Amino acid sequence: MATYYNLGRVFYQNFIGFLLFMICFLLPLSAQADNIKADPSLIKQLKQITSDRANIAYHSKTGYVRFMGTDLQNPIPTGLPSDAAPEDAARAFLSTYGKLFGLTNQKQELTVMREKTVDGGRSFVRFQQVHKGIPVLGGELNVQTNAGKNIVSANGKVLPGLAVD
């Protein structure tokens, strides 16, 4: 009888531990929707210009966008000619949509770390977030353009609202 009692007690303790784990894990996920800080009008605009093909994911801690992407047939137009520099295309995109990621002034807050063009004319621009010229650890954004210098995806995170002297 004592063996069955001990097994029941072990099962009960493990079950309670499992429930506590699930509550701690699932509550932050459900609270994420309440934390979104992205401008709904810009999100709506993105959805419209990509024929509702834009996929958007939000950072659970900051509430800002951490990923946005679309398929190759519905890129986000930059309004620049196809011979424009990839950095110019990425910055044109971030001038309009950078605040979805938490940027206030992409010209001052981002420097180019790396730029790469691959077969087919697609380009990748990696930006480093800076604050008063000092790199922000972990603050990076990557922007991918197609051959026509329209945006296919952007991902990364920045630390919004820095106010450090």
N, C-alpha and C. Protein backbone atom coordinates (compact mmCIF):
# COMPACT_ATOMS: atom_id res chain seq x y z
N MET A 1 0.82 -1.19 0.00
CA MET A 1 0.00 0.00 0.00
C MET A 1 0.86 1.26 0.00
N ALA A 2 1.96 1.23 0.75
CA ALA A 2 2.85 2.38 0.82
C ALA A 2 3.47 2.67 -0.55
N THR A 3 3.73 1.62 -1.34
CA THR A 3 4.31 1.81 -2.67
C THR A 3 3.35 2.57 -3.57
N TYR A 4 2.06 2.20 -3.55
CA TYR A 4 1.06 2.90 -4.36
C TYR A 4 0.90 4.35 -3.91
N TYR A 5 0.97 4.56 -2.60
CA TYR A 5 0.87 5.91 -2.06
C TYR A 5 2.03 6.77 -2.56
N ASN A 6 3.26 6.24 -2.52
CA ASN A 6 4.43 6.98 -2.97
C ASN A 6 4.36 7.26 -4.47
N LEU A 7 3.92 6.28 -5.27
CA LEU A 7 3.78 6.49 -6.71
C LEU A 7 2.75 7.58 -7.01
N GLY A 8 1.65 7.55 -6.28
CA GLY A 8 0.61 8.57 -6.47
C GLY A 8 1.12 9.95 -6.11
N ARG A 9 1.89 10.02 -5.03
CA ARG A 9 2.44 11.31 -4.60
C ARG A 9 3.45 11.84 -5.63
N VAL A 10 4.30 10.97 -6.17
CA VAL A 10 5.28 11.37 -7.18
C VAL A 10 4.55 11.86 -8.44
N PHE A 11 3.52 11.11 -8.86
CA PHE A 11 2.75 11.52 -10.03
C PHE A 11 2.11 12.88 -9.80
N TYR A 12 1.49 13.07 -8.64
CA TYR A 12 0.83 14.32 -8.31
C TYR A 12 1.83 15.48 -8.33
N GLN A 13 3.02 15.30 -7.74
CA GLN A 13 4.03 16.36 -7.71
C GLN A 13 4.51 16.69 -9.12
N ASN A 14 4.72 15.67 -9.94
CA ASN A 14 5.15 15.91 -11.32
C ASN A 14 4.06 16.61 -12.12
N PHE A 15 2.81 16.21 -11.88
CA PHE A 15 1.70 16.82 -12.59
C PHE A 15 1.58 18.30 -12.23
N ILE A 16 1.69 18.63 -10.96
CA ILE A 16 1.63 20.03 -10.51
C ILE A 16 2.80 20.81 -11.11
N GLY A 17 3.99 20.22 -11.13
CA GLY A 17 5.14 20.87 -11.74
C GLY A 17 4.91 21.14 -13.22
N PHE A 18 4.33 20.16 -13.91
CA PHE A 18 4.03 20.32 -15.33
C PHE A 18 3.03 21.46 -15.54
N LEU A 19 1.98 21.50 -14.73
CA LEU A 19 0.99 22.57 -14.85
C LEU A 19 1.61 23.94 -14.61
N LEU A 20 2.44 24.06 -13.59
CA LEU A 20 3.11 25.34 -13.32
C LEU A 20 4.00 25.75 -14.48
N PHE A 21 4.73 24.78 -15.04
CA PHE A 21 5.57 25.08 -16.19
C PHE A 21 4.73 25.59 -17.36
N MET A 22 3.62 24.91 -17.66
CA MET A 22 2.77 25.30 -18.78
C MET A 22 2.18 26.69 -18.56
N ILE A 23 1.77 26.98 -17.34
CA ILE A 23 1.22 28.31 -17.05
C ILE A 23 2.28 29.38 -17.26
N CYS A 24 3.47 29.13 -16.76
CA CYS A 24 4.55 30.11 -16.91
C CYS A 24 4.98 30.26 -18.37
N PHE A 25 4.85 29.20 -19.14
CA PHE A 25 5.25 29.24 -20.55
C PHE A 25 4.17 29.86 -21.42
N LEU A 26 2.92 29.52 -21.20
CA LEU A 26 1.84 29.96 -22.08
C LEU A 26 1.34 31.37 -21.78
N LEU A 27 1.39 31.81 -20.55
CA LEU A 27 0.91 33.15 -20.24
C LEU A 27 1.67 34.24 -20.98
N PRO A 28 3.02 34.19 -21.04
CA PRO A 28 3.71 35.22 -21.82
C PRO A 28 3.34 35.20 -23.30
N LEU A 29 3.05 34.02 -23.85
CA LEU A 29 2.66 33.95 -25.26
C LEU A 29 1.32 34.60 -25.50
N SER A 30 0.37 34.41 -24.60
CA SER A 30 -0.94 35.02 -24.78
C SER A 30 -0.88 36.52 -24.51
N ALA A 31 0.03 36.94 -23.64
CA ALA A 31 0.16 38.36 -23.34
C ALA A 31 0.85 39.12 -24.47
N GLN A 32 1.50 38.40 -25.39
CA GLN A 32 2.23 39.06 -26.47
C GLN A 32 1.32 39.94 -27.31
N ALA A 33 0.10 39.52 -27.56
CA ALA A 33 -0.82 40.29 -28.38
C ALA A 33 -1.13 41.64 -27.74
N ASP A 34 -1.11 41.71 -26.41
CA ASP A 34 -1.38 42.97 -25.72
C ASP A 34 -0.19 43.91 -25.74
N ASN A 35 0.99 43.41 -26.08
CA ASN A 35 2.23 44.17 -26.02
C ASN A 35 2.62 44.79 -27.36
N ILE A 36 1.86 44.58 -28.42
CA ILE A 36 2.24 45.04 -29.75
C ILE A 36 2.24 46.57 -29.80
N LYS A 37 3.38 47.12 -30.26
CA LYS A 37 3.53 48.57 -30.34
C LYS A 37 3.60 49.07 -31.78
N ALA A 38 3.43 48.18 -32.74
CA ALA A 38 3.52 48.56 -34.15
C ALA A 38 2.31 49.40 -34.55
N ASP A 39 2.57 50.38 -35.38
CA ASP A 39 1.54 51.28 -35.88
C ASP A 39 0.57 50.50 -36.77
N PRO A 40 -0.71 50.37 -36.36
CA PRO A 40 -1.66 49.57 -37.14
C PRO A 40 -1.87 50.09 -38.56
N SER A 41 -1.73 51.39 -38.76
CA SER A 41 -1.93 51.93 -40.11
C SER A 41 -0.78 51.51 -41.04
N LEU A 42 0.44 51.43 -40.51
CA LEU A 42 1.57 50.96 -41.32
C LEU A 42 1.45 49.46 -41.61
N ILE A 43 0.97 48.70 -40.64
CA ILE A 43 0.76 47.27 -40.85
C ILE A 43 -0.30 47.07 -41.94
N LYS A 44 -1.37 47.84 -41.86
CA LYS A 44 -2.44 47.75 -42.87
C LYS A 44 -1.90 48.10 -44.25
N GLN A 45 -1.08 49.15 -44.31
CA GLN A 45 -0.47 49.56 -45.57
C GLN A 45 0.41 48.45 -46.14
N LEU A 46 1.22 47.81 -45.30
CA LEU A 46 2.06 46.70 -45.74
C LEU A 46 1.22 45.55 -46.29
N LYS A 47 0.16 45.24 -45.60
CA LYS A 47 -0.72 44.15 -46.04
C LYS A 47 -1.33 44.49 -47.40
N GLN A 48 -1.74 45.74 -47.59
CA GLN A 48 -2.35 46.14 -48.86
C GLN A 48 -1.38 46.08 -50.02
N ILE A 49 -0.18 46.62 -49.85
CA ILE A 49 0.75 46.68 -50.98
C ILE A 49 1.36 45.33 -51.32
N THR A 50 1.23 44.35 -50.41
CA THR A 50 1.73 43.01 -50.69
C THR A 50 0.60 42.02 -50.98
N SER A 51 -0.58 42.54 -51.30
CA SER A 51 -1.75 41.70 -51.55
C SER A 51 -2.01 40.74 -50.39
N ASP A 52 -1.85 41.26 -49.18
CA ASP A 52 -2.06 40.52 -47.94
C ASP A 52 -1.11 39.33 -47.79
N ARG A 53 0.07 39.43 -48.38
CA ARG A 53 1.07 38.35 -48.29
C ARG A 53 2.15 38.65 -47.26
N ALA A 54 2.10 39.80 -46.62
CA ALA A 54 3.13 40.14 -45.64
C ALA A 54 2.95 39.30 -44.38
N ASN A 55 4.02 38.63 -43.98
CA ASN A 55 4.06 37.89 -42.72
C ASN A 55 4.80 38.76 -41.72
N ILE A 56 4.22 38.93 -40.54
CA ILE A 56 4.81 39.81 -39.55
C ILE A 56 4.85 39.09 -38.20
N ALA A 57 6.01 39.16 -37.55
CA ALA A 57 6.17 38.59 -36.21
C ALA A 57 6.68 39.70 -35.29
N TYR A 58 6.27 39.62 -34.04
CA TYR A 58 6.60 40.66 -33.07
C TYR A 58 7.53 40.11 -31.99
N HIS A 59 8.38 41.00 -31.48
CA HIS A 59 9.28 40.65 -30.39
C HIS A 59 8.46 40.59 -29.10
N SER A 60 8.59 39.51 -28.35
CA SER A 60 7.76 39.31 -27.16
C SER A 60 8.06 40.31 -26.04
N LYS A 61 9.27 40.83 -25.99
CA LYS A 61 9.62 41.76 -24.91
C LYS A 61 9.33 43.22 -25.27
N THR A 62 9.70 43.63 -26.48
CA THR A 62 9.54 45.04 -26.85
C THR A 62 8.18 45.34 -27.47
N GLY A 63 7.56 44.34 -28.09
CA GLY A 63 6.28 44.56 -28.76
C GLY A 63 6.43 45.11 -30.17
N TYR A 64 7.66 45.35 -30.60
CA TYR A 64 7.89 45.84 -31.95
C TYR A 64 8.07 44.68 -32.92
N VAL A 65 8.03 44.98 -34.20
CA VAL A 65 8.21 43.96 -35.23
C VAL A 65 9.63 43.42 -35.14
N ARG A 66 9.79 42.11 -35.27
CA ARG A 66 11.11 41.49 -35.33
C ARG A 66 11.33 40.82 -36.68
N PHE A 67 10.25 40.57 -37.43
CA PHE A 67 10.35 40.00 -38.77
C PHE A 67 9.17 40.46 -39.60
N MET A 68 9.46 40.80 -40.84
CA MET A 68 8.41 40.99 -41.83
C MET A 68 8.95 40.49 -43.15
N GLY A 69 8.12 39.78 -43.85
CA GLY A 69 8.55 39.22 -45.12
C GLY A 69 7.35 38.96 -46.00
N THR A 70 7.63 38.81 -47.27
CA THR A 70 6.59 38.55 -48.24
C THR A 70 7.15 37.62 -49.30
N ASP A 71 6.29 37.13 -50.18
CA ASP A 71 6.80 36.27 -51.24
C ASP A 71 7.43 37.11 -52.35
N LEU A 72 8.15 36.47 -53.22
CA LEU A 72 8.89 37.19 -54.27
C LEU A 72 7.99 37.88 -55.28
N GLN A 73 6.75 37.43 -55.41
CA GLN A 73 5.83 38.04 -56.37
C GLN A 73 5.16 39.30 -55.83
N ASN A 74 5.24 39.52 -54.53
CA ASN A 74 4.58 40.67 -53.91
C ASN A 74 5.53 41.41 -52.97
N PRO A 75 6.67 41.88 -53.49
CA PRO A 75 7.62 42.58 -52.61
C PRO A 75 7.08 43.95 -52.20
N ILE A 76 7.74 44.53 -51.23
CA ILE A 76 7.38 45.86 -50.75
C ILE A 76 8.15 46.88 -51.59
N PRO A 77 7.44 47.70 -52.37
CA PRO A 77 8.13 48.63 -53.27
C PRO A 77 8.86 49.74 -52.51
N THR A 78 10.03 50.10 -53.03
CA THR A 78 10.80 51.20 -52.43
C THR A 78 10.68 52.47 -53.26
N GLY A 79 10.24 52.32 -54.52
CA GLY A 79 10.14 53.48 -55.40
C GLY A 79 11.46 53.86 -56.03
N LEU A 80 12.48 53.04 -55.84
CA LEU A 80 13.80 53.33 -56.40
C LEU A 80 14.02 52.50 -57.66
N PRO A 81 14.87 52.98 -58.56
CA PRO A 81 15.16 52.20 -59.77
C PRO A 81 15.97 50.95 -59.43
N SER A 82 15.93 49.97 -60.32
CA SER A 82 16.61 48.69 -60.06
C SER A 82 18.13 48.82 -60.00
N ASP A 83 18.68 49.94 -60.50
CA ASP A 83 20.13 50.12 -60.41
C ASP A 83 20.55 50.89 -59.15
N ALA A 84 19.61 51.14 -58.26
CA ALA A 84 19.92 51.82 -56.99
C ALA A 84 20.78 50.90 -56.13
N ALA A 85 21.52 51.49 -55.24
CA ALA A 85 22.35 50.71 -54.32
C ALA A 85 21.45 49.97 -53.32
N PRO A 86 21.81 48.74 -52.96
CA PRO A 86 21.00 48.00 -51.98
C PRO A 86 20.82 48.76 -50.66
N GLU A 87 21.87 49.45 -50.21
CA GLU A 87 21.74 50.22 -48.98
C GLU A 87 20.67 51.30 -49.12
N ASP A 88 20.64 51.97 -50.27
CA ASP A 88 19.64 53.02 -50.49
C ASP A 88 18.23 52.44 -50.46
N ALA A 89 18.05 51.26 -51.04
CA ALA A 89 16.73 50.62 -51.04
C ALA A 89 16.33 50.24 -49.61
N ALA A 90 17.28 49.67 -48.88
CA ALA A 90 16.99 49.27 -47.50
C ALA A 90 16.67 50.49 -46.64
N ARG A 91 17.41 51.56 -46.82
CA ARG A 91 17.16 52.77 -46.04
C ARG A 91 15.83 53.43 -46.43
N ALA A 92 15.48 53.38 -47.71
CA ALA A 92 14.18 53.92 -48.14
C ALA A 92 13.05 53.16 -47.43
N PHE A 93 13.18 51.85 -47.38
CA PHE A 93 12.19 51.03 -46.68
C PHE A 93 12.14 51.40 -45.20
N LEU A 94 13.31 51.50 -44.56
CA LEU A 94 13.36 51.78 -43.13
C LEU A 94 12.93 53.21 -42.80
N SER A 95 13.05 54.12 -43.75
CA SER A 95 12.56 55.48 -43.53
C SER A 95 11.05 55.47 -43.32
N THR A 96 10.37 54.59 -44.04
CA THR A 96 8.92 54.49 -43.91
C THR A 96 8.50 53.53 -42.80
N TYR A 97 9.12 52.34 -42.76
CA TYR A 97 8.66 51.28 -41.87
C TYR A 97 9.57 51.01 -40.68
N GLY A 98 10.63 51.77 -40.52
CA GLY A 98 11.57 51.56 -39.42
C GLY A 98 10.94 51.68 -38.05
N LYS A 99 9.93 52.54 -37.91
CA LYS A 99 9.33 52.69 -36.58
C LYS A 99 8.58 51.45 -36.14
N LEU A 100 8.23 50.56 -37.10
CA LEU A 100 7.63 49.28 -36.71
C LEU A 100 8.63 48.43 -35.93
N PHE A 101 9.92 48.63 -36.19
CA PHE A 101 10.98 47.90 -35.49
C PHE A 101 11.43 48.63 -34.23
N GLY A 102 10.98 49.87 -34.03
CA GLY A 102 11.37 50.65 -32.86
C GLY A 102 12.34 51.76 -33.17
N LEU A 103 12.61 52.01 -34.45
CA LEU A 103 13.52 53.09 -34.83
C LEU A 103 12.77 54.42 -34.86
N THR A 104 13.48 55.49 -34.55
CA THR A 104 12.90 56.82 -34.70
C THR A 104 13.56 57.58 -35.85
N ASN A 105 14.87 57.34 -36.07
CA ASN A 105 15.59 57.99 -37.16
C ASN A 105 16.66 57.03 -37.67
N GLN A 106 16.31 56.26 -38.69
CA GLN A 106 17.22 55.22 -39.17
C GLN A 106 18.56 55.76 -39.63
N LYS A 107 18.60 56.99 -40.15
CA LYS A 107 19.88 57.57 -40.60
C LYS A 107 20.87 57.71 -39.46
N GLN A 108 20.37 58.10 -38.29
CA GLN A 108 21.24 58.29 -37.13
C GLN A 108 21.44 57.01 -36.33
N GLU A 109 20.46 56.11 -36.39
CA GLU A 109 20.49 54.94 -35.51
C GLU A 109 21.12 53.69 -36.14
N LEU A 110 21.39 53.70 -37.44
CA LEU A 110 21.91 52.51 -38.09
C LEU A 110 23.14 52.81 -38.94
N THR A 111 24.11 51.91 -38.86
CA THR A 111 25.26 51.94 -39.76
C THR A 111 25.33 50.58 -40.47
N VAL A 112 25.85 50.57 -41.67
CA VAL A 112 25.96 49.32 -42.43
C VAL A 112 27.13 48.50 -41.90
N MET A 113 26.84 47.25 -41.58
CA MET A 113 27.88 46.31 -41.17
C MET A 113 28.40 45.55 -42.37
N ARG A 114 27.45 45.11 -43.21
CA ARG A 114 27.81 44.27 -44.34
C ARG A 114 26.73 44.37 -45.41
N GLU A 115 27.16 44.21 -46.64
CA GLU A 115 26.24 44.21 -47.78
C GLU A 115 26.69 43.12 -48.73
N LYS A 116 25.73 42.33 -49.22
CA LYS A 116 26.09 41.23 -50.11
C LYS A 116 25.02 41.10 -51.19
N THR A 117 25.47 40.93 -52.43
CA THR A 117 24.57 40.67 -53.55
C THR A 117 24.86 39.25 -54.04
N VAL A 118 23.80 38.49 -54.25
CA VAL A 118 23.94 37.10 -54.68
C VAL A 118 23.35 36.93 -56.08
N ASP A 119 23.46 35.70 -56.59
CA ASP A 119 22.93 35.40 -57.92
C ASP A 119 21.47 35.84 -58.03
N GLY A 120 21.11 36.32 -59.18
CA GLY A 120 19.75 36.77 -59.40
C GLY A 120 19.52 38.21 -58.98
N GLY A 121 20.55 38.87 -58.46
CA GLY A 121 20.42 40.27 -58.10
C GLY A 121 19.85 40.55 -56.72
N ARG A 122 19.52 39.52 -55.95
CA ARG A 122 19.04 39.76 -54.58
C ARG A 122 20.19 40.28 -53.74
N SER A 123 19.86 41.17 -52.82
CA SER A 123 20.88 41.76 -51.96
C SER A 123 20.46 41.66 -50.50
N PHE A 124 21.47 41.63 -49.65
CA PHE A 124 21.26 41.59 -48.21
C PHE A 124 22.08 42.71 -47.59
N VAL A 125 21.43 43.51 -46.77
CA VAL A 125 22.12 44.60 -46.08
C VAL A 125 21.93 44.37 -44.58
N ARG A 126 23.05 44.30 -43.87
CA ARG A 126 23.00 44.13 -42.41
C ARG A 126 23.40 45.44 -41.75
N PHE A 127 22.51 45.93 -40.90
CA PHE A 127 22.73 47.17 -40.18
C PHE A 127 23.03 46.90 -38.71
N GLN A 128 23.87 47.74 -38.14
CA GLN A 128 24.16 47.73 -36.70
C GLN A 128 23.50 48.96 -36.09
N GLN A 129 22.76 48.78 -35.01
CA GLN A 129 22.21 49.92 -34.29
C GLN A 129 23.33 50.62 -33.54
N VAL A 130 23.32 51.94 -33.59
CA VAL A 130 24.29 52.73 -32.84
C VAL A 130 23.54 53.79 -32.03
N HIS A 131 24.15 54.18 -30.93
CA HIS A 131 23.61 55.26 -30.11
C HIS A 131 24.75 56.24 -29.89
N LYS A 132 24.62 57.43 -30.45
CA LYS A 132 25.67 58.45 -30.38
C LYS A 132 27.00 57.89 -30.89
N GLY A 133 26.90 57.11 -31.97
CA GLY A 133 28.09 56.54 -32.60
C GLY A 133 28.63 55.27 -31.97
N ILE A 134 28.04 54.84 -30.88
CA ILE A 134 28.50 53.64 -30.18
C ILE A 134 27.58 52.47 -30.55
N PRO A 135 28.16 51.33 -30.99
CA PRO A 135 27.32 50.17 -31.34
C PRO A 135 26.50 49.67 -30.15
N VAL A 136 25.27 49.31 -30.42
CA VAL A 136 24.38 48.75 -29.40
C VAL A 136 24.46 47.23 -29.51
N LEU A 137 24.88 46.58 -28.46
CA LEU A 137 25.04 45.14 -28.45
C LEU A 137 23.70 44.46 -28.74
N GLY A 138 23.67 43.61 -29.77
CA GLY A 138 22.45 42.88 -30.13
C GLY A 138 21.49 43.65 -31.00
N GLY A 139 21.77 44.91 -31.27
CA GLY A 139 20.88 45.73 -32.10
C GLY A 139 21.28 45.63 -33.56
N GLU A 140 20.61 44.75 -34.29
CA GLU A 140 20.91 44.56 -35.71
C GLU A 140 19.62 44.39 -36.50
N LEU A 141 19.63 44.88 -37.73
CA LEU A 141 18.54 44.67 -38.67
C LEU A 141 19.12 44.19 -39.99
N ASN A 142 18.44 43.23 -40.60
CA ASN A 142 18.83 42.69 -41.90
C ASN A 142 17.70 42.96 -42.88
N VAL A 143 18.03 43.50 -44.03
CA VAL A 143 17.03 43.79 -45.05
C VAL A 143 17.43 43.09 -46.34
N GLN A 144 16.49 42.35 -46.92
CA GLN A 144 16.73 41.65 -48.17
C GLN A 144 15.93 42.32 -49.29
N THR A 145 16.61 42.60 -50.40
CA THR A 145 15.95 43.18 -51.57
C THR A 145 15.98 42.19 -52.72
N ASN A 146 15.04 42.35 -53.63
CA ASN A 146 15.10 41.55 -54.86
C ASN A 146 15.92 42.31 -55.89
N ALA A 147 16.01 41.79 -57.10
CA ALA A 147 16.82 42.43 -58.15
C ALA A 147 16.29 43.82 -58.51
N GLY A 148 14.99 44.05 -58.33
CA GLY A 148 14.39 45.35 -58.63
C GLY A 148 14.51 46.34 -57.49
N LYS A 149 15.24 45.99 -56.45
CA LYS A 149 15.48 46.81 -55.25
C LYS A 149 14.20 47.07 -54.46
N ASN A 150 13.29 46.10 -54.51
CA ASN A 150 12.12 46.10 -53.65
C ASN A 150 12.37 45.14 -52.50
N ILE A 151 11.70 45.33 -51.39
CA ILE A 151 11.99 44.59 -50.16
C ILE A 151 11.24 43.26 -50.12
N VAL A 152 12.00 42.22 -49.83
CA VAL A 152 11.44 40.88 -49.69
C VAL A 152 11.27 40.54 -48.21
N SER A 153 12.24 40.94 -47.38
CA SER A 153 12.13 40.69 -45.94
C SER A 153 13.01 41.65 -45.16
N ALA A 154 12.66 41.77 -43.89
CA ALA A 154 13.47 42.54 -42.94
C ALA A 154 13.32 41.85 -41.60
N ASN A 155 14.42 41.67 -40.90
CA ASN A 155 14.34 41.03 -39.60
C ASN A 155 15.44 41.53 -38.68
N GLY A 156 15.22 41.35 -37.42
CA GLY A 156 16.20 41.75 -36.41
C GLY A 156 15.52 42.46 -35.28
N LYS A 157 16.33 43.04 -34.43
CA LYS A 157 15.76 43.80 -33.32
C LYS A 157 16.67 44.97 -32.98
N VAL A 158 16.05 46.00 -32.48
CA VAL A 158 16.77 47.16 -31.99
C VAL A 158 16.26 47.45 -30.58
N LEU A 159 17.05 48.16 -29.83
CA LEU A 159 16.62 48.58 -28.52
C LEU A 159 15.98 49.96 -28.68
N PRO A 160 14.65 50.03 -28.59
CA PRO A 160 13.97 51.31 -28.84
C PRO A 160 14.10 52.29 -27.68
N GLY A 161 14.05 53.56 -28.02
CA GLY A 161 14.00 54.62 -27.02
C GLY A 161 15.22 54.73 -26.12
N LEU A 162 16.41 54.58 -26.68
CA LEU A 162 17.60 54.72 -25.86
C LEU A 162 17.76 56.16 -25.37
N ALA A 163 18.10 56.32 -24.12
CA ALA A 163 18.29 57.64 -23.55
C ALA A 163 19.48 57.64 -22.62
N VAL A 164 20.59 57.08 -23.08
CA VAL A 164 21.80 56.97 -22.28
C VAL A 164 22.75 58.11 -22.68
N ASP A 165 23.32 58.78 -21.70
CA ASP A 165 24.30 59.84 -22.01
C ASP A 165 25.61 59.23 -22.42
